[in-house]
């Protein structure tokens, strides 16, 4: 008997948008998945041999890249940040839209424009360094996992690189968006080896691809 496929999903906003699409692709989590009091991280699927694991977004990519999960859903920001060679993102799901941007305090935009060295707070060190290197600027990245907007005001960093949706959080914290590094959407990701060796993974990719194509044609 074949082992169940493991499908990794991220906690938070992307998951809310992904669940209806997953259901149409036949990936329907068991009732316990939706129980707010349930602390489990692994769940079965209704009428399917798929197990779902619910983890942090960055960990979705790691589980899939290393083959602990065969497929999953995650933002393209995570795919680009890690650049795992064993990770393949065959389908843009056209959900979870936002952007990865540079932001800084209103009063410092012009005076910092020509700095050759900056300290930047972000949980995206690779994307941040690449962005500034392309401009001839050396960026020292201070790794934070949250509350990024506090960093400039407390002197931890002069700029931040973070996800932006409406921009309201930046505005509320006295910051202004000065550059967009990456437009982001959620992707179906798969382990390359699993795609080649397990026909169930290929079938899953085709189901999601067909659903996205159908929605775009509507």
Foldseek 3Di string as FASTA:
>chain_A
DDQFAEEEEEPDDQCVVCQVLCVLLVFAWDPLVPDPPDPDQWTDGPPGSYIYGYYHQLVNQVCQQVVVHFKYKHKVLSCVLVVRPQKDFPFFLPAPWWFKFKKFAPVCVVVCVPAQEWEEEEQRVRLVQVVSVVVNHGYHYDYDDDPRLCCCVVVNTGMYIDIGHPCVVQVVSRMDTDGTSGIMGMTMMGGNVCVVPPVVSVSSSVSSRVVSVVVVVD
